[in-house]
């Protein structure tokens, strides 16, 4: 019995020696693939879903992680779509299990389609309006009484027209930006969140 236990300990020690220490560095890119459709409109903070590794991960010529392995994805932060064309944003944290059970964390930042056309156009018309009125007033002061009054009113009219055009863009401010939408089969670019080391089992012969 003692010989058997000694043999087991010896084999364990040999396996430990032959086991290989692997480190995946911070910010290492890892591609994952969506298994189902993902839409930020249906997600909440800490919601989870499953994705898969898009390709084998090879480090120092050693196969570390296998393509198709399941990866747990968790919504780490979420910002819903808002008015004025502001798009939704979600940060996703991915948990990949190394062969020895060590957790490898990756992350991605995802943003929907958005536009700030209403904001830009509104700012443009407001600036144009104030500039026209200001130039009209300045020109009026320089020109004197009759011509000056004409220049002032001209500037005020043009400025007013720009102001009305700016007001017409107001309804556009009510339009929301797009949701984050990732279709099944789509590739998601992630990066490793921090350095992590784990042990590969000794190769079998």
Protein backbone atom coordinates (compact mmCIF):
# COMPACT_ATOMS: atom_id res chain seq x y z
CA UNK A 1 0.00 0.00 0.00
CA UNK A 2 2.82 2.40 0.91
CA UNK A 3 4.55 1.63 -2.39
CA UNK A 4 1.33 2.42 -4.27
CA UNK A 5 0.90 5.75 -2.47
CA UNK A 6 4.56 6.57 -3.08
CA UNK A 7 4.10 5.79 -6.79
CA UNK A 8 1.04 8.07 -6.98
CA UNK A 9 2.92 10.88 -5.29
CA UNK A 10 5.85 10.37 -7.65
CA UNK A 11 3.56 10.48 -10.70
CA UNK A 12 1.86 13.60 -9.36
CA UNK A 13 5.22 15.25 -8.80
CA UNK A 14 6.34 14.37 -12.32
CA UNK A 15 3.10 15.78 -13.74
CA UNK A 16 3.58 18.94 -11.71
CA UNK A 17 7.10 19.36 -13.06
CA UNK A 18 5.98 18.74 -16.63
CA UNK A 19 3.01 21.10 -16.32
CA UNK A 20 3.54 24.34 -18.22
CA UNK A 21 2.91 27.80 -16.84
CA UNK A 22 1.21 30.09 -19.36
CA UNK A 23 0.52 33.83 -19.09
CA UNK A 24 -1.92 35.80 -21.18
CA UNK A 25 -0.99 39.47 -21.08
CA UNK A 26 -3.28 42.40 -20.43
CA UNK A 27 -4.93 43.80 -23.59
CA UNK A 28 -4.33 40.62 -25.61
CA UNK A 29 -7.03 40.62 -28.36
CA UNK A 30 -9.41 37.66 -28.32
CA UNK A 31 -12.27 37.22 -30.78
CA UNK A 32 -15.58 35.75 -29.67
CA UNK A 33 -18.68 34.99 -31.69
CA UNK A 34 -22.30 35.72 -30.83
CA UNK A 35 -24.43 32.59 -30.59
CA UNK A 36 -27.77 34.43 -30.52
CA UNK A 37 -28.97 37.92 -31.42
CA UNK A 38 -28.02 40.59 -28.87
CA UNK A 39 -30.04 43.80 -28.50
CA UNK A 40 -29.32 46.38 -25.80
CA UNK A 41 -33.03 47.25 -25.62
CA UNK A 42 -33.64 43.84 -24.00
CA UNK A 43 -30.67 43.87 -21.65
CA UNK A 44 -30.10 45.03 -18.08
CA UNK A 45 -27.08 45.41 -15.84
CA UNK A 46 -25.62 42.00 -14.81
CA UNK A 47 -27.64 40.09 -17.42
CA UNK A 48 -25.70 37.11 -18.79
CA UNK A 49 -25.63 35.22 -22.06
CA UNK A 50 -23.28 32.81 -23.83
CA UNK A 51 -20.88 33.43 -26.70
CA UNK A 52 -18.13 31.20 -28.09
CA UNK A 53 -14.46 31.50 -28.94
CA UNK A 54 -14.10 32.34 -32.62
CA UNK A 55 -10.65 30.81 -33.01
CA UNK A 56 -8.05 28.71 -31.21
CA UNK A 57 -5.83 30.67 -28.81
CA UNK A 58 -2.19 29.66 -29.22
CA UNK A 59 0.55 31.03 -26.97
CA UNK A 60 4.21 30.05 -27.26
CA UNK A 61 3.20 27.49 -29.90
CA UNK A 62 0.89 25.80 -27.39
CA UNK A 63 -2.85 25.38 -27.83
CA UNK A 64 -4.32 27.13 -24.81
CA UNK A 65 -8.00 27.58 -25.65
CA UNK A 66 -10.05 25.78 -28.27
CA UNK A 67 -12.27 27.38 -30.90
CA UNK A 68 -15.96 26.95 -30.12
CA UNK A 69 -15.51 26.87 -26.34
CA UNK A 70 -18.38 28.52 -24.48
CA UNK A 71 -17.70 31.89 -22.88
CA UNK A 72 -19.93 33.54 -20.28
CA UNK A 73 -20.77 37.17 -21.13
CA UNK A 74 -22.06 39.60 -18.47
CA UNK A 75 -23.40 43.13 -18.98
CA UNK A 76 -20.94 45.17 -16.92
CA UNK A 77 -22.33 48.63 -17.76
CA UNK A 78 -25.25 49.84 -19.84
CA UNK A 79 -26.38 53.22 -21.09
CA UNK A 80 -29.75 53.27 -22.88
CA UNK A 81 -30.37 55.14 -26.12
CA UNK A 82 -31.36 58.76 -25.50
CA UNK A 83 -32.90 61.66 -27.36
CA UNK A 84 -30.85 63.96 -29.58
CA UNK A 85 -29.51 60.93 -31.41
CA UNK A 86 -27.43 59.60 -28.53
CA UNK A 87 -26.80 55.90 -29.10
CA UNK A 88 -26.99 53.12 -26.54
CA UNK A 89 -23.74 51.79 -25.06
CA UNK A 90 -22.96 48.49 -23.33
CA UNK A 91 -19.75 47.19 -21.77
CA UNK A 92 -19.51 43.41 -21.73
CA UNK A 93 -17.28 41.34 -19.45
CA UNK A 94 -16.36 37.87 -20.73
CA UNK A 95 -15.27 35.00 -18.50
CA UNK A 96 -13.19 32.30 -20.18
CA UNK A 97 -12.13 29.23 -18.24
CA UNK A 98 -8.52 28.13 -18.70
CA UNK A 99 -7.75 24.38 -18.69
CA UNK A 100 -6.94 24.46 -14.96
CA UNK A 101 -10.13 26.39 -14.11
CA UNK A 102 -8.48 29.82 -13.85
CA UNK A 103 -10.78 32.61 -15.03
CA UNK A 104 -9.59 34.80 -17.89
CA UNK A 105 -11.48 38.08 -18.06
CA UNK A 106 -11.96 39.96 -21.31
CA UNK A 107 -14.03 43.04 -22.10
CA UNK A 108 -15.55 44.92 -25.00
CA UNK A 109 -17.20 48.30 -25.38
CA UNK A 110 -20.11 48.37 -27.82
CA UNK A 111 -22.04 51.37 -29.14
CA UNK A 112 -25.13 51.64 -31.33
CA UNK A 113 -25.55 53.95 -34.30
CA UNK A 114 -26.21 57.55 -33.33
CA UNK A 115 -26.26 61.03 -34.75
CA UNK A 116 -25.84 64.50 -33.29
CA UNK A 117 -27.17 66.25 -36.41
CA UNK A 118 -29.90 68.03 -34.45
CA UNK A 119 -27.44 69.33 -31.90
CA UNK A 120 -24.94 70.47 -34.52
CA UNK A 121 -27.54 72.13 -36.72
CA UNK A 122 -29.19 73.81 -33.72
CA UNK A 123 -25.83 75.17 -32.56
CA UNK A 124 -25.06 76.37 -36.09
CA UNK A 125 -28.32 78.28 -36.48
CA UNK A 126 -28.06 79.76 -33.00
CA UNK A 127 -24.51 80.98 -33.73
CA UNK A 128 -25.58 82.36 -37.12
CA UNK A 129 -28.53 84.15 -35.51
CA UNK A 130 -26.46 85.82 -32.80
CA UNK A 131 -23.74 86.71 -35.31
CA UNK A 132 -26.21 88.34 -37.72
CA UNK A 133 -27.80 90.41 -34.97
CA UNK A 134 -24.38 91.36 -33.61
CA UNK A 135 -23.06 92.39 -37.04
CA UNK A 136 -26.23 94.36 -37.74
CA UNK A 137 -25.93 96.22 -34.46
CA UNK A 138 -22.21 96.92 -34.98
CA UNK A 139 -22.77 98.07 -38.56
CA UNK A 140 -25.65 100.26 -37.42
CA UNK A 141 -23.50 102.01 -34.86
CA UNK A 142 -20.75 102.59 -37.44
CA UNK A 143 -23.08 103.81 -40.21
CA UNK A 144 -24.98 106.34 -38.14
CA UNK A 145 -28.69 107.19 -37.92
CA UNK A 146 -30.52 106.29 -41.18
CA UNK A 147 -28.19 103.72 -42.73
CA UNK A 148 -27.35 102.44 -39.28
CA UNK A 149 -31.01 101.75 -38.48
CA UNK A 150 -31.36 99.91 -41.79
CA UNK A 151 -28.29 97.75 -41.09
CA UNK A 152 -29.56 96.97 -37.60
CA UNK A 153 -32.97 95.85 -38.85
CA UNK A 154 -31.42 93.82 -41.66
CA UNK A 155 -29.20 92.03 -39.16
CA UNK A 156 -32.14 91.45 -36.83
CA UNK A 157 -34.29 90.03 -39.64
CA UNK A 158 -31.57 87.70 -40.88
CA UNK A 159 -30.78 86.69 -37.32
CA UNK A 160 -34.46 86.00 -36.69
CA UNK A 161 -34.67 83.78 -39.76
CA UNK A 162 -31.68 81.78 -38.56
CA UNK A 163 -33.34 81.53 -35.14
CA UNK A 164 -36.57 80.17 -36.67
CA UNK A 165 -34.55 77.64 -38.69
CA UNK A 166 -32.88 76.56 -35.45
CA UNK A 167 -36.25 76.10 -33.77
CA UNK A 168 -37.38 73.90 -36.65
CA UNK A 169 -34.64 71.42 -35.74
CA UNK A 170 -36.14 70.94 -32.27
CA UNK A 171 -38.27 67.89 -33.24
CA UNK A 172 -35.08 66.17 -34.39
CA UNK A 173 -33.81 66.36 -30.82
CA UNK A 174 -36.58 63.96 -29.77
CA UNK A 175 -35.20 61.21 -32.00
CA UNK A 176 -33.31 58.55 -30.03
CA UNK A 177 -30.02 57.04 -31.08
CA UNK A 178 -29.73 53.40 -32.10
CA UNK A 179 -29.56 50.34 -29.87
CA UNK A 180 -26.52 48.07 -29.74
CA UNK A 181 -27.40 45.18 -32.05
CA UNK A 182 -25.13 42.17 -32.55
CA UNK A 183 -26.44 39.42 -34.81
CA UNK A 184 -25.91 35.71 -34.22
CA UNK A 185 -22.64 34.67 -35.84
CA UNK A 186 -21.16 38.17 -35.67
CA UNK A 187 -17.58 38.51 -34.43
CA UNK A 188 -16.94 40.62 -31.32
CA UNK A 189 -13.47 42.03 -30.71
CA UNK A 190 -12.48 41.77 -27.03
CA UNK A 191 -9.30 42.41 -25.07
CA UNK A 192 -7.94 40.66 -21.98
CA UNK A 193 -8.72 42.78 -18.92
CA UNK A 194 -5.57 41.97 -16.92
CA UNK A 195 -2.53 39.69 -16.90
CA UNK A 196 -3.48 36.15 -15.93
CA UNK A 197 -1.38 33.02 -15.44
CA UNK A 198 -2.51 29.43 -15.38
CA UNK A 199 -1.12 25.94 -15.76
CA UNK A 200 -1.46 23.73 -18.80
CA UNK A 201 -1.62 20.02 -17.98
CA UNK A 202 1.41 17.96 -18.89
CA UNK A 203 1.16 16.55 -22.42
CA UNK A 204 0.08 12.92 -22.58
CA UNK A 205 2.09 10.43 -24.59
